[in-house]
C-alpha atoms as a PDB file:
ATOM      1  CA  MET A   1      92.932 126.208 136.582  1.00  0.00           C
ATOM      2  CA  ASP A   2      96.235 128.026 136.956  1.00  0.00           C
ATOM      3  CA  LYS A   3      97.928 129.589 133.952  1.00  0.00           C
ATOM      4  CA  VAL A   4     101.591 128.604 133.754  1.00  0.00           C
ATOM      5  CA  PHE A   5     103.969 130.351 131.372  1.00  0.00           C
ATOM      6  CA  LEU A   6     106.543 127.989 129.835  1.00  0.00           C
ATOM      7  CA  ASP A   7     110.011 129.413 129.223  1.00  0.00           C
ATOM      8  CA  THR A   8     111.995 128.147 126.247  1.00  0.00           C
ATOM      9  CA  CYS A   9     114.267 126.037 128.448  1.00  0.00           C
ATOM     10  CA  VAL A  10     111.376 123.839 129.639  1.00  0.00           C
ATOM     11  CA  LEU A  11     110.141 123.211 126.105  1.00  0.00           C
ATOM     12  CA  TYR A  12     113.530 121.793 125.236  1.00  0.00           C
ATOM     13  CA  PRO A  13     114.446 118.955 125.882  1.00  0.00           C
ATOM     14  CA  PRO A  14     111.521 117.074 124.343  1.00  0.00           C
ATOM     15  CA  ILE A  15     111.068 114.581 127.210  1.00  0.00           C
ATOM     16  CA  LEU A  16     110.522 117.342 129.771  1.00  0.00           C
ATOM     17  CA  ARG A  17     108.132 119.104 127.389  1.00  0.00           C
ATOM     18  CA  ASP A  18     106.253 115.840 126.847  1.00  0.00           C
ATOM     19  CA  LEU A  19     105.675 115.392 130.579  1.00  0.00           C
ATOM     20  CA  LEU A  20     104.760 119.027 131.193  1.00  0.00           C
ATOM     21  CA  LEU A  21     102.305 119.157 128.302  1.00  0.00           C
ATOM     22  CA  GLY A  22     100.861 115.793 129.334  1.00  0.00           C
ATOM     23  CA  LEU A  23     100.140 117.244 132.764  1.00  0.00           C
ATOM     24  CA  ALA A  24      98.456 120.217 131.103  1.00  0.00           C
ATOM     25  CA  ASP A  25      96.540 117.957 128.748  1.00  0.00           C
ATOM     26  CA  ILE A  26      94.871 116.184 131.672  1.00  0.00           C
ATOM     27  CA  GLY A  27      93.831 119.529 133.119  1.00  0.00           C
ATOM     28  CA  LEU A  28      96.297 120.112 135.947  1.00  0.00           C
ATOM     29  CA  TYR A  29      97.205 123.561 134.605  1.00  0.00           C
ATOM     30  CA  THR A  30      96.835 125.733 131.500  1.00  0.00           C
ATOM     31  CA  PRO A  31     100.080 126.251 129.556  1.00  0.00           C
ATOM     32  CA  MET A  32     101.055 129.590 128.049  1.00  0.00           C
ATOM     33  CA  TRP A  33     103.937 130.707 125.862  1.00  0.00           C
ATOM     34  CA  SER A  34     104.694 133.652 123.615  1.00  0.00           C
ATOM     35  CA  GLN A  35     105.763 134.287 120.058  1.00  0.00           C
ATOM     36  CA  GLY A  36     109.191 135.207 121.454  1.00  0.00           C
ATOM     37  CA  VAL A  37     109.515 131.902 123.316  1.00  0.00           C
ATOM     38  CA  ALA A  38     108.327 130.036 120.220  1.00  0.00           C
ATOM     39  CA  ALA A  39     110.928 131.784 118.049  1.00  0.00           C
ATOM     40  CA  GLU A  40     113.706 130.975 120.552  1.00  0.00           C
ATOM     41  CA  TRP A  41     112.613 127.355 120.715  1.00  0.00           C
ATOM     42  CA  VAL A  42     112.578 126.954 116.929  1.00  0.00           C
ATOM     43  CA  HIS A  43     116.003 128.643 116.751  1.00  0.00           C
ATOM     44  CA  VAL A  44     117.530 126.364 119.427  1.00  0.00           C
ATOM     45  CA  MET A  45     116.193 123.255 117.735  1.00  0.00           C
ATOM     46  CA  ALA A  46     117.442 124.347 114.306  1.00  0.00           C
ATOM     47  CA  ARG A  47     120.867 125.240 115.707  1.00  0.00           C
ATOM     48  CA  ARG A  48     121.118 121.723 117.168  1.00  0.00           C
ATOM     49  CA  GLY A  49     120.011 120.172 113.891  1.00  0.00           C
ATOM     50  CA  GLN A  50     116.742 118.930 115.350  1.00  0.00           C
ATOM     51  CA  THR A  51     113.274 119.243 113.927  1.00  0.00           C
ATOM     52  CA  GLY A  52     109.794 119.081 115.364  1.00  0.00           C
ATOM     53  CA  ALA A  53     109.465 122.406 117.169  1.00  0.00           C
ATOM     54  CA  VAL A  54     107.224 123.953 114.519  1.00  0.00           C
ATOM     55  CA  GLU A  55     104.958 120.906 114.491  1.00  0.00           C
ATOM     56  CA  ALA A  56     104.841 120.794 118.292  1.00  0.00           C
ATOM     57  CA  LEU A  57     103.930 124.500 118.386  1.00  0.00           C
ATOM     58  CA  GLU A  58     101.123 123.869 115.915  1.00  0.00           C
ATOM     59  CA  ARG A  59      99.770 121.044 118.095  1.00  0.00           C
ATOM     60  CA  MET A  60     100.031 123.228 121.196  1.00  0.00           C
ATOM     61  CA  SER A  61      98.205 126.071 119.463  1.00  0.00           C
ATOM     62  CA  LEU A  62      95.420 123.728 118.387  1.00  0.00           C
ATOM     63  CA  ARG A  63      95.100 122.160 121.844  1.00  0.00           C
ATOM     64  CA  TRP A  64      95.350 125.458 123.759  1.00  0.00           C
ATOM     65  CA  PRO A  65      94.246 128.219 121.360  1.00  0.00           C
ATOM     66  CA  ASP A  66      94.405 130.805 124.158  1.00  0.00           C
ATOM     67  CA  GLY A  67      97.899 129.684 125.162  1.00  0.00           C
ATOM     68  CA  ILE A  68      99.786 132.339 123.235  1.00  0.00           C
ATOM     69  CA  ALA A  69     100.362 135.241 125.606  1.00  0.00           C
ATOM     70  CA  PRO A  70     100.591 138.842 124.405  1.00  0.00           C
ATOM     71  CA  ARG A  71     103.985 140.530 124.225  1.00  0.00           C
ATOM     72  CA  GLY A  72     103.506 142.769 127.224  1.00  0.00           C
ATOM     73  CA  GLU A  73     105.942 145.592 127.971  1.00  0.00           C
ATOM     74  CA  PRO A  74     109.448 144.128 128.229  1.00  0.00           C
ATOM     75  CA  ASP A  75     111.160 147.520 128.065  1.00  0.00           C
ATOM     76  CA  VAL A  76     109.889 148.551 131.499  1.00  0.00           C
ATOM     77  CA  LEU A  77     111.279 145.476 133.259  1.00  0.00           C
ATOM     78  CA  ASP A  78     114.619 145.247 135.021  1.00  0.00           C
ATOM     79  CA  LEU A  79     116.199 141.797 134.842  1.00  0.00           C
ATOM     80  CA  PRO A  80     119.842 140.702 135.048  1.00  0.00           C
ATOM     81  CA  ASP A  81     119.703 139.606 131.399  1.00  0.00           C
ATOM     82  CA  PRO A  82     117.724 142.018 129.201  1.00  0.00           C
ATOM     83  CA  ALA A  83     117.155 139.138 126.753  1.00  0.00           C
ATOM     84  CA  ASP A  84     114.822 137.550 129.348  1.00  0.00           C
ATOM     85  CA  ARG A  85     112.543 140.562 129.679  1.00  0.00           C
ATOM     86  CA  HIS A  86     110.191 139.351 126.944  1.00  0.00           C
ATOM     87  CA  VAL A  87     109.514 136.134 128.903  1.00  0.00           C
ATOM     88  CA  LEU A  88     108.446 137.887 132.089  1.00  0.00           C
ATOM     89  CA  ALA A  89     106.534 140.556 130.174  1.00  0.00           C
ATOM     90  CA  SER A  90     104.496 137.941 128.306  1.00  0.00           C
ATOM     91  CA  ALA A  91     103.886 135.862 131.444  1.00  0.00           C
ATOM     92  CA  HIS A  92     102.514 138.946 133.175  1.00  0.00           C
ATOM     93  CA  ALA A  93     100.514 140.170 130.172  1.00  0.00           C
ATOM     94  CA  GLY A  94      98.978 136.717 129.738  1.00  0.00           C
ATOM     95  CA  GLY A  95      97.859 136.543 133.346  1.00  0.00           C
ATOM     96  CA  ALA A  96     100.099 133.620 134.275  1.00  0.00           C
ATOM     97  CA  GLY A  97     100.519 133.079 137.985  1.00  0.00           C
ATOM     98  CA  VAL A  98     103.587 130.909 137.467  1.00  0.00           C
ATOM     99  CA  LEU A  99     106.630 131.264 135.225  1.00  0.00           C
ATOM    100  CA  LEU A 100     108.186 127.829 134.725  1.00  0.00           C
ATOM    101  CA  THR A 101     111.917 128.014 133.973  1.00  0.00           C
ATOM    102  CA  LEU A 102     115.226 126.327 134.664  1.00  0.00           C
ATOM    103  CA  ASN A 103     116.868 129.763 134.867  1.00  0.00           C
ATOM    104  CA  LEU A 104     115.677 130.872 138.291  1.00  0.00           C
ATOM    105  CA  ARG A 105     118.555 133.326 138.771  1.00  0.00           C
ATOM    106  CA  ASP A 106     117.492 135.214 135.652  1.00  0.00           C
ATOM    107  CA  PHE A 107     114.202 136.173 137.309  1.00  0.00           C
ATOM    108  CA  PRO A 108     114.980 137.628 140.757  1.00  0.00           C
ATOM    109  CA  ARG A 109     112.137 137.903 143.239  1.00  0.00           C
ATOM    110  CA  ARG A 110     112.451 141.714 143.427  1.00  0.00           C
ATOM    111  CA  ALA A 111     111.609 141.915 139.717  1.00  0.00           C
ATOM    112  CA  VAL A 112     108.783 139.385 139.554  1.00  0.00           C
ATOM    113  CA  ALA A 113     107.008 139.804 142.894  1.00  0.00           C
ATOM    114  CA  PRO A 114     105.433 143.182 142.030  1.00  0.00           C
ATOM    115  CA  LEU A 115     103.899 141.544 138.955  1.00  0.00           C
ATOM    116  CA  GLY A 116     102.270 138.748 140.930  1.00  0.00           C
ATOM    117  CA  VAL A 117     104.210 136.045 139.096  1.00  0.00           C
ATOM    118  CA  VAL A 118     105.885 133.160 140.927  1.00  0.00           C
ATOM    119  CA  VAL A 119     109.001 131.778 139.260  1.00  0.00           C
ATOM    120  CA  THR A 120     109.580 128.073 139.784  1.00  0.00           C
ATOM    121  CA  ALA A 121     111.592 125.189 138.377  1.00  0.00           C
ATOM    122  CA  PRO A 122     109.993 122.138 136.753  1.00  0.00           C
ATOM    123  CA  ASP A 123     111.024 119.841 139.628  1.00  0.00           C
ATOM    124  CA  GLU A 124     109.332 122.015 142.258  1.00  0.00           C
ATOM    125  CA  PHE A 125     106.296 122.467 139.995  1.00  0.00           C
ATOM    126  CA  THR A 126     105.834 118.764 139.242  1.00  0.00           C
ATOM    127  CA  MET A 127     106.353 117.861 142.915  1.00  0.00           C
ATOM    128  CA  ALA A 128     103.575 120.268 143.899  1.00  0.00           C
ATOM    129  CA  LEU A 129     101.302 118.750 141.259  1.00  0.00           C
ATOM    130  CA  TRP A 130     102.170 115.237 142.454  1.00  0.00           C
ATOM    131  CA  LEU A 131     101.417 116.122 146.072  1.00  0.00           C
ATOM    132  CA  ALA A 132      98.038 117.518 145.037  1.00  0.00           C
ATOM    133  CA  HIS A 133      97.203 114.905 142.375  1.00  0.00           C
ATOM    134  CA  PRO A 134      99.440 111.845 142.834  1.00  0.00           C
ATOM    135  CA  GLN A 135      97.750 109.339 140.526  1.00  0.00           C
ATOM    136  CA  PRO A 136      97.353 111.595 137.461  1.00  0.00           C
ATOM    137  CA  VAL A 137     100.995 112.705 137.751  1.00  0.00           C
ATOM    138  CA  GLU A 138     102.185 109.118 138.182  1.00  0.00           C
ATOM    139  CA  ASP A 139     100.108 108.105 135.148  1.00  0.00           C
ATOM    140  CA  GLN A 140     101.810 110.776 133.036  1.00  0.00           C
ATOM    141  CA  VAL A 141     105.255 109.741 134.275  1.00  0.00           C
ATOM    142  CA  THR A 142     104.438 106.154 133.297  1.00  0.00           C
ATOM    143  CA  ARG A 143     103.277 107.341 129.864  1.00  0.00           C
ATOM    144  CA  VAL A 144     106.529 109.236 129.255  1.00  0.00           C
ATOM    145  CA  TRP A 145     108.823 106.588 130.805  1.00  0.00           C
ATOM    146  CA  PRO A 146     106.954 103.317 130.199  1.00  0.00           C
ATOM    147  CA  GLY A 147     108.236 100.271 132.023  1.00  0.00           C
ATOM    148  CA  LEU A 148     110.685 102.154 134.242  1.00  0.00           C
ATOM    149  CA  ARG A 149     110.471 101.552 137.973  1.00  0.00           C
ATOM    150  CA  GLY A 150     112.608 102.055 141.044  1.00  0.00           C
ATOM    151  CA  ARG A 151     116.157 103.315 140.572  1.00  0.00           C
ATOM    152  CA  ALA A 152     115.872 103.347 136.748  1.00  0.00           C
ATOM    153  CA  LEU A 153     112.866 105.692 136.931  1.00  0.00           C
ATOM    154  CA  ARG A 154     114.588 107.879 139.512  1.00  0.00           C
ATOM    155  CA  ASN A 155     117.653 108.186 137.275  1.00  0.00           C
ATOM    156  CA  ALA A 156     115.539 108.975 134.195  1.00  0.00           C
ATOM    157  CA  LEU A 157     113.669 111.713 136.036  1.00  0.00           C
ATOM    158  CA  LYS A 158     116.934 113.093 137.398  1.00  0.00           C
ATOM    159  CA  ARG A 159     118.327 113.303 133.841  1.00  0.00           C
ATOM    160  CA  ALA A 160     115.152 115.169 132.860  1.00  0.00           C
ATOM    161  CA  GLY A 161     115.787 117.748 135.597  1.00  0.00           C
ATOM    162  CA  LEU A 162     113.252 116.294 138.024  1.00  0.00           C
ATOM    163  CA  PRO A 163     115.367 114.792 140.831  1.00  0.00           C
ATOM    164  CA  ARG A 164     112.890 115.399 143.678  1.00  0.00           C
ATOM    165  CA  LEU A 165     110.031 113.871 141.721  1.00  0.00           C
ATOM    166  CA  GLY A 166     112.291 110.957 140.816  1.00  0.00           C
ATOM    167  CA  LYS A 167     113.164 110.368 144.460  1.00  0.00           C
ATOM    168  CA  ALA A 168     109.490 110.537 145.445  1.00  0.00           C
ATOM    169  CA  LEU A 169     108.465 108.020 142.776  1.00  0.00           C
ATOM    170  CA  GLU A 170     111.404 105.624 143.202  1.00  0.00           C
ATOM    171  CA  VAL A 171     109.575 103.351 145.608  1.00  0.00           C
END
């Protein structure tokens, strides 16, 4: 099972996190994160006046006890935004083959390719999972968006940052 490192931006908003962790929970991949990502996530939630990140992290740690990646060596990496170095360093140190992020431009191919990490967006990632395992992915979509079908489901998935998956499941 592939290890996939989750950047802070895919853990927030909660609906995207719910789908992604649901897909991991049924065994389609193994999620990873770092203490740095966890701290950013808690900070973002607190800044927005929202709660639940700490509890969600506790549940994730219980479900995937090996999910917390080591820090790695962020100082040796060259990224456009030095604040993102810790994400790539932990993904690499944890042995993740995929770094899942909405900030693709922050992780240029020249920086990640030598580390053997593929950077991808949630829409591309979930589409690949759906193509390989259509029914389990559709079941998780139904769990997260119960009762939605057709255009309403497509629009909900688009709002969640999953427009290609929404288009594929609109029928």
